[in-house]
Amino acid sequence: MIKTDQFRKRLKIEIDGEPYVMVDVDFVRPGKGQGFVRTKLKNLMSGSTVERTFKSNETAKPASVSDNDMQFLYDDGTEFTFMNMQTYDQVAITRETLGDAVNYLYENMIVSVSFFNEMPIGVEVPNFVELEITECEPGIKGNSATNTMKPAIVSSGYRLNVPLFVDQNEWIRIDTRTGDYVERCKRPEGR
């Protein structure tokens, strides 16, 4: 069991048989009475967020969540298949479970897959990914004086806005936390 004085952000606990991760932890010590811990918890299965207060003498059960590095193999239209690099076991994960990670996946990409009771509950992609622009309008000369953006589609099918000077078939770096363009880059080796 985990005591409240051990609570911290990104700690995974189990409440009513479901895994949660602590998004925010605030230790409150009022002038009178017993202290308590105010937490903001994200359900790892449904993605919903709840707030919960724990008394200072309460404990929480650690969630049996394991993270495995896995390689993305392919998308069959309904599910995405990943392979464990050590055991070569394959697991299919639905688009709903993947969430926003689906926008940044490319073949042979290594990601961290979270499991709860042997069931995949989430995928964490790197903070930055390099993808090729497959569709985008050509930039118009003379419009580069301001921070004007234009729509583009990358190889994963994700749509985003890029600066006017970026052209089709160029590689760009995307911040997966915000989904925004970061910079142009060279084609990564092996891709």
N, C-alpha and C. Protein backbone atom coordinates (compact mmCIF):
# COMPACT_ATOMS: atom_id res chain seq x y z
N MET A 1 0.84 -1.19 0.00
CA MET A 1 0.00 0.00 0.00
C MET A 1 0.89 1.25 0.00
N ILE A 2 0.39 2.30 -0.63
CA ILE A 2 1.13 3.55 -0.74
C ILE A 2 0.52 4.57 0.20
N LYS A 3 1.35 5.14 1.06
CA LYS A 3 0.88 6.17 2.00
C LYS A 3 0.77 7.50 1.28
N THR A 4 -0.06 8.39 1.82
CA THR A 4 -0.30 9.68 1.18
C THR A 4 0.96 10.54 1.10
N ASP A 5 1.91 10.36 2.02
CA ASP A 5 3.13 11.17 1.94
C ASP A 5 4.04 10.70 0.80
N GLN A 6 3.70 9.58 0.14
CA GLN A 6 4.46 9.09 -1.01
C GLN A 6 3.80 9.46 -2.33
N PHE A 7 2.66 10.14 -2.28
CA PHE A 7 1.96 10.53 -3.49
C PHE A 7 2.81 11.53 -4.28
N ARG A 8 2.79 11.40 -5.59
CA ARG A 8 3.50 12.30 -6.49
C ARG A 8 2.86 12.22 -7.87
N LYS A 9 3.17 13.18 -8.72
CA LYS A 9 2.64 13.15 -10.08
C LYS A 9 3.13 11.90 -10.80
N ARG A 10 2.29 11.36 -11.70
CA ARG A 10 2.57 10.18 -12.53
C ARG A 10 2.56 8.87 -11.75
N LEU A 11 2.18 8.90 -10.45
CA LEU A 11 2.04 7.68 -9.66
C LEU A 11 0.75 6.97 -10.10
N LYS A 12 0.83 5.66 -10.31
CA LYS A 12 -0.33 4.90 -10.75
C LYS A 12 -0.90 4.11 -9.58
N ILE A 13 -2.21 4.35 -9.31
CA ILE A 13 -2.89 3.66 -8.22
C ILE A 13 -4.16 3.01 -8.75
N GLU A 14 -4.72 2.10 -7.95
CA GLU A 14 -5.94 1.41 -8.33
C GLU A 14 -7.06 1.82 -7.38
N ILE A 15 -8.19 2.24 -7.96
CA ILE A 15 -9.37 2.62 -7.18
C ILE A 15 -10.56 1.88 -7.78
N ASP A 16 -11.28 1.14 -6.95
CA ASP A 16 -12.45 0.37 -7.39
C ASP A 16 -12.14 -0.52 -8.59
N GLY A 17 -10.96 -1.13 -8.59
CA GLY A 17 -10.59 -2.08 -9.64
C GLY A 17 -10.15 -1.46 -10.94
N GLU A 18 -9.97 -0.14 -11.00
CA GLU A 18 -9.54 0.53 -12.22
C GLU A 18 -8.26 1.32 -11.97
N PRO A 19 -7.35 1.36 -12.96
CA PRO A 19 -6.08 2.08 -12.79
C PRO A 19 -6.23 3.58 -13.04
N TYR A 20 -5.58 4.36 -12.20
CA TYR A 20 -5.56 5.82 -12.33
C TYR A 20 -4.12 6.30 -12.25
N VAL A 21 -3.83 7.41 -12.88
CA VAL A 21 -2.53 8.06 -12.76
C VAL A 21 -2.77 9.44 -12.14
N MET A 22 -1.88 9.83 -11.22
CA MET A 22 -2.00 11.13 -10.55
C MET A 22 -1.49 12.22 -11.48
N VAL A 23 -2.39 13.12 -11.85
CA VAL A 23 -2.05 14.23 -12.71
C VAL A 23 -1.57 15.41 -11.89
N ASP A 24 -2.20 15.63 -10.72
CA ASP A 24 -1.83 16.74 -9.85
C ASP A 24 -1.98 16.29 -8.40
N VAL A 25 -1.03 16.68 -7.56
CA VAL A 25 -1.05 16.32 -6.14
C VAL A 25 -0.79 17.59 -5.34
N ASP A 26 -1.67 17.86 -4.37
CA ASP A 26 -1.52 19.06 -3.55
C ASP A 26 -1.67 18.67 -2.07
N PHE A 27 -0.60 18.83 -1.30
CA PHE A 27 -0.62 18.54 0.14
C PHE A 27 -1.15 19.77 0.86
N VAL A 28 -2.24 19.61 1.62
CA VAL A 28 -2.87 20.73 2.32
C VAL A 28 -2.74 20.51 3.82
N ARG A 29 -2.19 21.52 4.50
CA ARG A 29 -2.05 21.47 5.96
C ARG A 29 -2.78 22.68 6.54
N PRO A 30 -4.03 22.49 6.92
CA PRO A 30 -4.79 23.62 7.46
C PRO A 30 -4.26 24.01 8.84
N GLY A 31 -4.61 25.20 9.27
CA GLY A 31 -4.17 25.68 10.59
C GLY A 31 -4.69 24.81 11.72
N LYS A 32 -5.90 24.36 11.60
CA LYS A 32 -6.48 23.47 12.61
C LYS A 32 -6.88 22.16 11.93
N GLY A 33 -6.82 21.11 12.67
CA GLY A 33 -7.27 19.82 12.14
C GLY A 33 -6.18 19.07 11.40
N GLN A 34 -6.60 17.96 10.85
CA GLN A 34 -5.68 17.05 10.19
C GLN A 34 -5.43 17.47 8.74
N GLY A 35 -4.20 17.27 8.26
CA GLY A 35 -3.86 17.57 6.88
C GLY A 35 -4.49 16.56 5.94
N PHE A 36 -4.53 16.92 4.66
CA PHE A 36 -5.08 16.02 3.66
C PHE A 36 -4.37 16.25 2.33
N VAL A 37 -4.62 15.36 1.38
CA VAL A 37 -4.01 15.45 0.06
C VAL A 37 -5.12 15.54 -0.98
N ARG A 38 -5.08 16.62 -1.75
CA ARG A 38 -6.05 16.82 -2.82
C ARG A 38 -5.38 16.36 -4.12
N THR A 39 -6.02 15.44 -4.84
CA THR A 39 -5.42 14.90 -6.06
C THR A 39 -6.36 15.03 -7.25
N LYS A 40 -5.76 15.08 -8.42
CA LYS A 40 -6.50 15.03 -9.68
C LYS A 40 -6.03 13.74 -10.34
N LEU A 41 -6.96 12.83 -10.62
CA LEU A 41 -6.64 11.51 -11.13
C LEU A 41 -7.23 11.30 -12.53
N LYS A 42 -6.45 10.68 -13.40
CA LYS A 42 -6.93 10.35 -14.74
C LYS A 42 -7.10 8.84 -14.84
N ASN A 43 -8.29 8.41 -15.22
CA ASN A 43 -8.57 6.98 -15.40
C ASN A 43 -7.84 6.51 -16.64
N LEU A 44 -6.96 5.52 -16.49
CA LEU A 44 -6.16 5.05 -17.61
C LEU A 44 -6.96 4.22 -18.61
N MET A 45 -8.13 3.76 -18.24
CA MET A 45 -8.94 2.96 -19.16
C MET A 45 -9.92 3.82 -19.94
N SER A 46 -10.58 4.76 -19.26
CA SER A 46 -11.59 5.58 -19.93
C SER A 46 -11.07 6.95 -20.33
N GLY A 47 -10.00 7.42 -19.69
CA GLY A 47 -9.46 8.74 -19.99
C GLY A 47 -10.13 9.86 -19.22
N SER A 48 -11.15 9.56 -18.42
CA SER A 48 -11.84 10.60 -17.66
C SER A 48 -10.98 11.06 -16.48
N THR A 49 -11.23 12.28 -16.04
CA THR A 49 -10.47 12.86 -14.94
C THR A 49 -11.41 13.10 -13.76
N VAL A 50 -10.93 12.75 -12.56
CA VAL A 50 -11.70 12.98 -11.34
C VAL A 50 -10.80 13.63 -10.29
N GLU A 51 -11.43 14.33 -9.36
CA GLU A 51 -10.69 14.89 -8.23
C GLU A 51 -11.06 14.09 -7.00
N ARG A 52 -10.06 13.80 -6.18
CA ARG A 52 -10.30 13.01 -4.98
C ARG A 52 -9.41 13.53 -3.86
N THR A 53 -9.97 13.57 -2.65
CA THR A 53 -9.24 14.00 -1.48
C THR A 53 -8.97 12.80 -0.58
N PHE A 54 -7.73 12.68 -0.13
CA PHE A 54 -7.32 11.60 0.76
C PHE A 54 -6.93 12.20 2.11
N LYS A 55 -7.37 11.57 3.22
CA LYS A 55 -6.92 11.99 4.54
C LYS A 55 -5.45 11.61 4.68
N SER A 56 -4.75 12.27 5.59
CA SER A 56 -3.31 12.04 5.71
C SER A 56 -2.96 10.63 6.19
N ASN A 57 -3.89 9.91 6.81
CA ASN A 57 -3.59 8.56 7.27
C ASN A 57 -4.09 7.47 6.32
N GLU A 58 -4.67 7.86 5.18
CA GLU A 58 -5.18 6.88 4.20
C GLU A 58 -4.05 6.30 3.38
N THR A 59 -4.33 5.16 2.75
CA THR A 59 -3.38 4.56 1.83
C THR A 59 -4.11 4.25 0.52
N ALA A 60 -3.32 4.01 -0.51
CA ALA A 60 -3.88 3.66 -1.82
C ALA A 60 -3.17 2.41 -2.34
N LYS A 61 -3.89 1.62 -3.08
CA LYS A 61 -3.34 0.39 -3.64
C LYS A 61 -2.59 0.72 -4.94
N PRO A 62 -1.34 0.27 -5.07
CA PRO A 62 -0.63 0.53 -6.32
C PRO A 62 -1.28 -0.25 -7.47
N ALA A 63 -1.37 0.36 -8.62
CA ALA A 63 -1.97 -0.29 -9.79
C ALA A 63 -0.94 -1.23 -10.42
N SER A 64 -1.39 -2.38 -10.82
CA SER A 64 -0.50 -3.34 -11.46
C SER A 64 -0.41 -3.04 -12.95
N VAL A 65 0.14 -1.87 -13.24
CA VAL A 65 0.30 -1.42 -14.62
C VAL A 65 1.76 -1.65 -15.02
N SER A 66 1.95 -2.31 -16.15
CA SER A 66 3.31 -2.51 -16.64
C SER A 66 3.46 -1.83 -17.99
N ASP A 67 4.62 -1.27 -18.23
CA ASP A 67 4.92 -0.61 -19.50
C ASP A 67 5.95 -1.43 -20.25
N ASN A 68 5.66 -1.74 -21.51
CA ASN A 68 6.57 -2.51 -22.35
C ASN A 68 6.89 -1.73 -23.61
N ASP A 69 8.16 -1.73 -24.01
CA ASP A 69 8.53 -1.15 -25.29
C ASP A 69 8.11 -2.12 -26.38
N MET A 70 7.34 -1.62 -27.34
CA MET A 70 6.84 -2.46 -28.41
C MET A 70 7.01 -1.75 -29.74
N GLN A 71 7.06 -2.53 -30.81
CA GLN A 71 7.24 -2.00 -32.15
C GLN A 71 5.90 -2.01 -32.88
N PHE A 72 5.57 -0.87 -33.50
CA PHE A 72 4.34 -0.80 -34.30
C PHE A 72 4.57 -1.52 -35.61
N LEU A 73 3.70 -2.49 -35.93
CA LEU A 73 3.85 -3.28 -37.15
C LEU A 73 2.95 -2.78 -38.27
N TYR A 74 1.63 -2.78 -38.04
CA TYR A 74 0.72 -2.37 -39.12
C TYR A 74 -0.66 -2.03 -38.57
N ASP A 75 -1.45 -1.39 -39.46
CA ASP A 75 -2.83 -1.02 -39.17
C ASP A 75 -3.70 -1.77 -40.16
N ASP A 76 -4.64 -2.59 -39.66
CA ASP A 76 -5.50 -3.36 -40.57
C ASP A 76 -6.84 -2.67 -40.82
N GLY A 77 -6.96 -1.42 -40.42
CA GLY A 77 -8.20 -0.67 -40.63
C GLY A 77 -9.04 -0.55 -39.38
N THR A 78 -9.04 -1.57 -38.54
CA THR A 78 -9.82 -1.52 -37.30
C THR A 78 -8.93 -1.56 -36.07
N GLU A 79 -7.80 -2.27 -36.17
CA GLU A 79 -6.89 -2.40 -35.03
C GLU A 79 -5.45 -2.18 -35.48
N PHE A 80 -4.63 -1.77 -34.52
CA PHE A 80 -3.22 -1.52 -34.76
C PHE A 80 -2.43 -2.62 -34.06
N THR A 81 -1.50 -3.24 -34.76
CA THR A 81 -0.76 -4.38 -34.22
C THR A 81 0.64 -3.95 -33.79
N PHE A 82 1.00 -4.35 -32.55
CA PHE A 82 2.29 -4.05 -31.97
C PHE A 82 2.96 -5.36 -31.57
N MET A 83 4.32 -5.37 -31.58
CA MET A 83 5.06 -6.57 -31.22
C MET A 83 6.04 -6.28 -30.08
N ASN A 84 6.04 -7.17 -29.08
CA ASN A 84 6.99 -7.09 -27.98
C ASN A 84 8.37 -7.44 -28.54
N MET A 85 9.35 -6.61 -28.30
CA MET A 85 10.69 -6.79 -28.87
C MET A 85 11.46 -7.96 -28.26
N GLN A 86 11.12 -8.38 -27.04
CA GLN A 86 11.83 -9.49 -26.40
C GLN A 86 11.17 -10.83 -26.67
N THR A 87 9.84 -10.89 -26.55
CA THR A 87 9.13 -12.17 -26.67
C THR A 87 8.53 -12.40 -28.05
N TYR A 88 8.48 -11.37 -28.88
CA TYR A 88 7.87 -11.41 -30.21
C TYR A 88 6.37 -11.68 -30.17
N ASP A 89 5.75 -11.52 -29.00
CA ASP A 89 4.30 -11.62 -28.89
C ASP A 89 3.68 -10.39 -29.54
N GLN A 90 2.55 -10.59 -30.21
CA GLN A 90 1.86 -9.49 -30.86
C GLN A 90 0.55 -9.19 -30.14
N VAL A 91 0.20 -7.92 -30.12
CA VAL A 91 -1.05 -7.49 -29.49
C VAL A 91 -1.73 -6.48 -30.41
N ALA A 92 -3.05 -6.60 -30.55
CA ALA A 92 -3.83 -5.67 -31.36
C ALA A 92 -4.52 -4.67 -30.43
N ILE A 93 -4.41 -3.40 -30.79
CA ILE A 93 -4.97 -2.33 -29.97
C ILE A 93 -5.92 -1.50 -30.82
N THR A 94 -7.09 -1.18 -30.27
CA THR A 94 -8.09 -0.42 -31.01
C THR A 94 -7.71 1.06 -31.12
N ARG A 95 -8.33 1.73 -32.07
CA ARG A 95 -8.10 3.16 -32.29
C ARG A 95 -8.50 3.98 -31.06
N GLU A 96 -9.58 3.57 -30.36
CA GLU A 96 -10.05 4.28 -29.17
C GLU A 96 -9.00 4.21 -28.06
N THR A 97 -8.37 3.07 -27.88
CA THR A 97 -7.35 2.92 -26.85
C THR A 97 -6.12 3.75 -27.17
N LEU A 98 -5.78 3.85 -28.45
CA LEU A 98 -4.60 4.61 -28.87
C LEU A 98 -4.79 6.11 -28.65
N GLY A 99 -5.99 6.61 -28.84
CA GLY A 99 -6.23 8.05 -28.69
C GLY A 99 -5.46 8.85 -29.73
N ASP A 100 -4.83 9.94 -29.29
CA ASP A 100 -4.08 10.83 -30.20
C ASP A 100 -2.81 10.19 -30.73
N ALA A 101 -2.32 9.14 -30.11
CA ALA A 101 -1.09 8.48 -30.57
C ALA A 101 -1.23 7.98 -31.99
N VAL A 102 -2.45 7.70 -32.44
CA VAL A 102 -2.67 7.19 -33.79
C VAL A 102 -2.20 8.18 -34.85
N ASN A 103 -2.17 9.46 -34.53
CA ASN A 103 -1.75 10.50 -35.47
C ASN A 103 -0.26 10.47 -35.79
N TYR A 104 0.54 9.82 -34.98
CA TYR A 104 1.99 9.91 -35.11
C TYR A 104 2.66 8.57 -35.39
N LEU A 105 1.90 7.50 -35.55
CA LEU A 105 2.49 6.18 -35.74
C LEU A 105 3.02 6.00 -37.16
N TYR A 106 4.18 5.37 -37.25
CA TYR A 106 4.73 4.96 -38.54
C TYR A 106 5.31 3.57 -38.37
N GLU A 107 5.46 2.86 -39.46
CA GLU A 107 5.90 1.47 -39.44
C GLU A 107 7.25 1.32 -38.73
N ASN A 108 7.35 0.32 -37.86
CA ASN A 108 8.55 -0.04 -37.08
C ASN A 108 8.88 0.95 -35.97
N MET A 109 7.97 1.86 -35.65
CA MET A 109 8.19 2.83 -34.57
C MET A 109 8.15 2.10 -33.22
N ILE A 110 9.05 2.47 -32.31
CA ILE A 110 9.08 1.91 -30.96
C ILE A 110 8.28 2.83 -30.04
N VAL A 111 7.28 2.26 -29.35
CA VAL A 111 6.43 3.01 -28.43
C VAL A 111 6.36 2.27 -27.09
N SER A 112 5.86 2.94 -26.07
CA SER A 112 5.65 2.32 -24.77
C SER A 112 4.16 1.98 -24.62
N VAL A 113 3.86 0.69 -24.47
CA VAL A 113 2.47 0.24 -24.33
C VAL A 113 2.23 -0.12 -22.86
N SER A 114 1.18 0.45 -22.28
CA SER A 114 0.82 0.18 -20.88
C SER A 114 -0.22 -0.93 -20.83
N PHE A 115 -0.01 -1.88 -19.90
CA PHE A 115 -0.93 -2.99 -19.71
C PHE A 115 -1.45 -2.98 -18.28
N PHE A 116 -2.74 -3.29 -18.11
CA PHE A 116 -3.35 -3.45 -16.80
C PHE A 116 -4.03 -4.81 -16.82
N ASN A 117 -3.59 -5.71 -15.94
CA ASN A 117 -4.10 -7.08 -15.91
C ASN A 117 -4.04 -7.73 -17.30
N GLU A 118 -2.89 -7.61 -17.95
CA GLU A 118 -2.62 -8.22 -19.26
C GLU A 118 -3.41 -7.60 -20.41
N MET A 119 -4.13 -6.50 -20.16
CA MET A 119 -4.92 -5.86 -21.20
C MET A 119 -4.28 -4.51 -21.56
N PRO A 120 -4.05 -4.22 -22.87
CA PRO A 120 -3.45 -2.93 -23.24
C PRO A 120 -4.43 -1.79 -22.95
N ILE A 121 -3.93 -0.76 -22.26
CA ILE A 121 -4.80 0.36 -21.90
C ILE A 121 -4.32 1.70 -22.46
N GLY A 122 -3.12 1.73 -23.05
CA GLY A 122 -2.64 2.99 -23.60
C GLY A 122 -1.29 2.85 -24.27
N VAL A 123 -1.00 3.83 -25.13
CA VAL A 123 0.27 3.86 -25.85
C VAL A 123 0.87 5.24 -25.69
N GLU A 124 2.15 5.27 -25.37
CA GLU A 124 2.85 6.55 -25.24
C GLU A 124 3.90 6.65 -26.33
N VAL A 125 3.77 7.67 -27.19
CA VAL A 125 4.73 7.89 -28.27
C VAL A 125 5.80 8.86 -27.80
N PRO A 126 6.95 8.93 -28.49
CA PRO A 126 7.97 9.91 -28.12
C PRO A 126 7.42 11.34 -28.20
N ASN A 127 8.07 12.28 -27.52
CA ASN A 127 7.61 13.68 -27.53
C ASN A 127 7.70 14.32 -28.91
N PHE A 128 8.66 13.86 -29.72
CA PHE A 128 8.83 14.41 -31.06
C PHE A 128 8.94 13.27 -32.07
N VAL A 129 8.27 13.42 -33.22
CA VAL A 129 8.37 12.43 -34.29
C VAL A 129 8.66 13.16 -35.60
N GLU A 130 9.33 12.45 -36.52
CA GLU A 130 9.63 12.99 -37.84
C GLU A 130 8.75 12.26 -38.85
N LEU A 131 7.95 13.03 -39.59
CA LEU A 131 7.05 12.46 -40.60
C LEU A 131 7.18 13.24 -41.89
N GLU A 132 6.85 12.57 -43.00
CA GLU A 132 6.93 13.19 -44.32
C GLU A 132 5.60 13.84 -44.68
N ILE A 133 5.66 15.00 -45.31
CA ILE A 133 4.45 15.68 -45.78
C ILE A 133 4.04 15.02 -47.10
N THR A 134 2.83 14.47 -47.14
CA THR A 134 2.35 13.80 -48.35
C THR A 134 1.45 14.70 -49.19
N GLU A 135 0.78 15.66 -48.54
CA GLU A 135 -0.08 16.59 -49.27
C GLU A 135 0.07 17.98 -48.68
N CYS A 136 0.24 18.96 -49.55
CA CYS A 136 0.30 20.35 -49.10
C CYS A 136 0.32 21.26 -50.32
N GLU A 137 -0.29 22.41 -50.19
CA GLU A 137 -0.31 23.38 -51.28
C GLU A 137 1.05 24.04 -51.38
N PRO A 138 1.46 24.44 -52.59
CA PRO A 138 2.74 25.14 -52.69
C PRO A 138 2.65 26.53 -52.05
N GLY A 139 3.77 26.98 -51.49
CA GLY A 139 3.81 28.31 -50.89
C GLY A 139 3.81 29.38 -51.97
N ILE A 140 3.25 30.53 -51.64
CA ILE A 140 3.20 31.65 -52.60
C ILE A 140 4.30 32.63 -52.23
N LYS A 141 5.14 32.97 -53.21
CA LYS A 141 6.24 33.89 -52.96
C LYS A 141 5.72 35.24 -52.50
N GLY A 142 6.38 35.82 -51.52
CA GLY A 142 5.99 37.13 -51.03
C GLY A 142 5.11 37.08 -49.80
N ASN A 143 4.56 35.92 -49.48
CA ASN A 143 3.69 35.79 -48.31
C ASN A 143 4.45 35.35 -47.07
N SER A 144 5.76 35.40 -47.09
CA SER A 144 6.53 34.88 -45.97
C SER A 144 6.89 35.94 -44.93
N ALA A 145 6.40 37.15 -45.08
CA ALA A 145 6.73 38.22 -44.14
C ALA A 145 6.08 38.02 -42.78
N THR A 146 4.94 37.35 -42.76
CA THR A 146 4.25 37.11 -41.50
C THR A 146 4.26 35.62 -41.18
N ASN A 147 3.77 35.27 -40.02
CA ASN A 147 3.70 33.87 -39.61
C ASN A 147 2.48 33.18 -40.19
N THR A 148 2.36 33.19 -41.49
CA THR A 148 1.22 32.59 -42.16
C THR A 148 1.42 31.09 -42.25
N MET A 149 0.36 30.34 -42.00
CA MET A 149 0.43 28.89 -42.04
C MET A 149 -0.50 28.36 -43.13
N LYS A 150 -0.24 27.13 -43.56
CA LYS A 150 -1.10 26.46 -44.54
C LYS A 150 -1.33 25.02 -44.09
N PRO A 151 -2.45 24.41 -44.52
CA PRO A 151 -2.73 23.04 -44.10
C PRO A 151 -1.83 22.03 -44.82
N ALA A 152 -1.52 20.94 -44.12
CA ALA A 152 -0.71 19.86 -44.70
C ALA A 152 -1.16 18.54 -44.10
N ILE A 153 -0.89 17.45 -44.83
CA ILE A 153 -1.17 16.10 -44.35
C ILE A 153 0.14 15.34 -44.37
N VAL A 154 0.45 14.67 -43.25
CA VAL A 154 1.69 13.89 -43.16
C VAL A 154 1.41 12.42 -43.46
N SER A 155 2.46 11.61 -43.53
CA SER A 155 2.36 10.21 -43.96
C SER A 155 1.44 9.37 -43.08
N SER A 156 1.21 9.76 -41.83
CA SER A 156 0.31 9.00 -40.95
C SER A 156 -1.15 9.36 -41.18
N GLY A 157 -1.41 10.39 -42.01
CA GLY A 157 -2.78 10.84 -42.25
C GLY A 157 -3.19 12.02 -41.38
N TYR A 158 -2.30 12.45 -40.48
CA TYR A 158 -2.59 13.55 -39.56
C TYR A 158 -2.55 14.88 -40.31
N ARG A 159 -3.53 15.74 -40.04
CA ARG A 159 -3.60 17.08 -40.64
C ARG A 159 -3.10 18.11 -39.63
N LEU A 160 -2.25 19.03 -40.09
CA LEU A 160 -1.76 20.10 -39.23
C LEU A 160 -1.41 21.30 -40.09
N ASN A 161 -1.12 22.40 -39.44
CA ASN A 161 -0.71 23.61 -40.15
C ASN A 161 0.80 23.73 -40.11
N VAL A 162 1.37 24.10 -41.27
CA VAL A 162 2.82 24.28 -41.39
C VAL A 162 3.09 25.65 -42.00
N PRO A 163 4.30 26.19 -41.82
CA PRO A 163 4.63 27.48 -42.44
C PRO A 163 4.60 27.40 -43.98
N LEU A 164 4.46 28.54 -44.65
CA LEU A 164 4.36 28.57 -46.10
C LEU A 164 5.58 28.02 -46.82
N PHE A 165 6.76 28.13 -46.21
CA PHE A 165 7.99 27.69 -46.89
C PHE A 165 8.18 26.17 -46.92
N VAL A 166 7.35 25.42 -46.20
CA VAL A 166 7.46 23.96 -46.18
C VAL A 166 6.69 23.40 -47.37
N ASP A 167 7.31 22.46 -48.09
CA ASP A 167 6.70 21.90 -49.29
C ASP A 167 6.40 20.41 -49.15
N GLN A 168 5.62 19.90 -50.10
CA GLN A 168 5.29 18.48 -50.14
C GLN A 168 6.57 17.66 -50.29
N ASN A 169 6.58 16.45 -49.74
CA ASN A 169 7.70 15.50 -49.74
C ASN A 169 8.86 15.92 -48.84
N GLU A 170 8.71 16.97 -48.06
CA GLU A 170 9.72 17.34 -47.08
C GLU A 170 9.40 16.65 -45.76
N TRP A 171 10.39 16.49 -44.92
CA TRP A 171 10.22 15.88 -43.60
C TRP A 171 10.15 16.96 -42.56
N ILE A 172 9.24 16.79 -41.60
CA ILE A 172 9.09 17.77 -40.53
C ILE A 172 9.07 17.07 -39.17
N ARG A 173 9.42 17.82 -38.15
CA ARG A 173 9.35 17.32 -36.77
C ARG A 173 8.08 17.86 -36.14
N ILE A 174 7.33 16.98 -35.46
CA ILE A 174 6.06 17.35 -34.84
C ILE A 174 6.15 17.07 -33.34
N ASP A 175 5.66 18.01 -32.53
CA ASP A 175 5.57 17.83 -31.08
C ASP A 175 4.29 17.04 -30.81
N THR A 176 4.42 15.79 -30.33
CA THR A 176 3.25 14.94 -30.13
C THR A 176 2.40 15.37 -28.94
N ARG A 177 2.95 16.19 -28.05
CA ARG A 177 2.17 16.66 -26.89
C ARG A 177 1.15 17.71 -27.31
N THR A 178 1.48 18.51 -28.34
CA THR A 178 0.57 19.57 -28.78
C THR A 178 0.02 19.32 -30.18
N GLY A 179 0.71 18.48 -30.96
CA GLY A 179 0.29 18.22 -32.34
C GLY A 179 0.74 19.30 -33.30
N ASP A 180 1.69 20.13 -32.90
CA ASP A 180 2.12 21.27 -33.71
C ASP A 180 3.43 21.00 -34.45
N TYR A 181 3.58 21.71 -35.57
CA TYR A 181 4.82 21.71 -36.34
C TYR A 181 5.93 22.32 -35.48
N VAL A 182 7.14 21.72 -35.52
CA VAL A 182 8.28 22.27 -34.79
C VAL A 182 9.31 22.84 -35.76
N GLU A 183 9.76 21.99 -36.71
CA GLU A 183 10.78 22.43 -37.66
C GLU A 183 10.89 21.44 -38.81
N ARG A 184 11.58 21.88 -39.87
CA ARG A 184 11.91 20.95 -40.95
C ARG A 184 13.09 20.10 -40.49
N CYS A 185 13.20 18.91 -41.04
CA CYS A 185 14.32 18.05 -40.68
C CYS A 185 14.68 17.18 -41.87
N LYS A 186 15.80 16.48 -41.74
CA LYS A 186 16.22 15.56 -42.80
C LYS A 186 15.50 14.25 -42.62
N ARG A 187 15.41 13.48 -43.68
CA ARG A 187 14.79 12.15 -43.63
C ARG A 187 15.59 11.28 -42.65
N PRO A 188 14.91 10.70 -41.63
CA PRO A 188 15.62 9.84 -40.68
C PRO A 188 16.19 8.61 -41.38
N GLU A 189 17.34 8.16 -40.91
CA GLU A 189 17.98 6.97 -41.49
C GLU A 189 17.09 5.75 -41.33
N GLY A 190 17.04 4.94 -42.36
CA GLY A 190 16.26 3.72 -42.31
C GLY A 190 14.78 3.90 -42.62
N ARG A 191 14.39 5.11 -43.05
CA ARG A 191 12.96 5.33 -43.36
C ARG A 191 12.78 5.85 -44.75
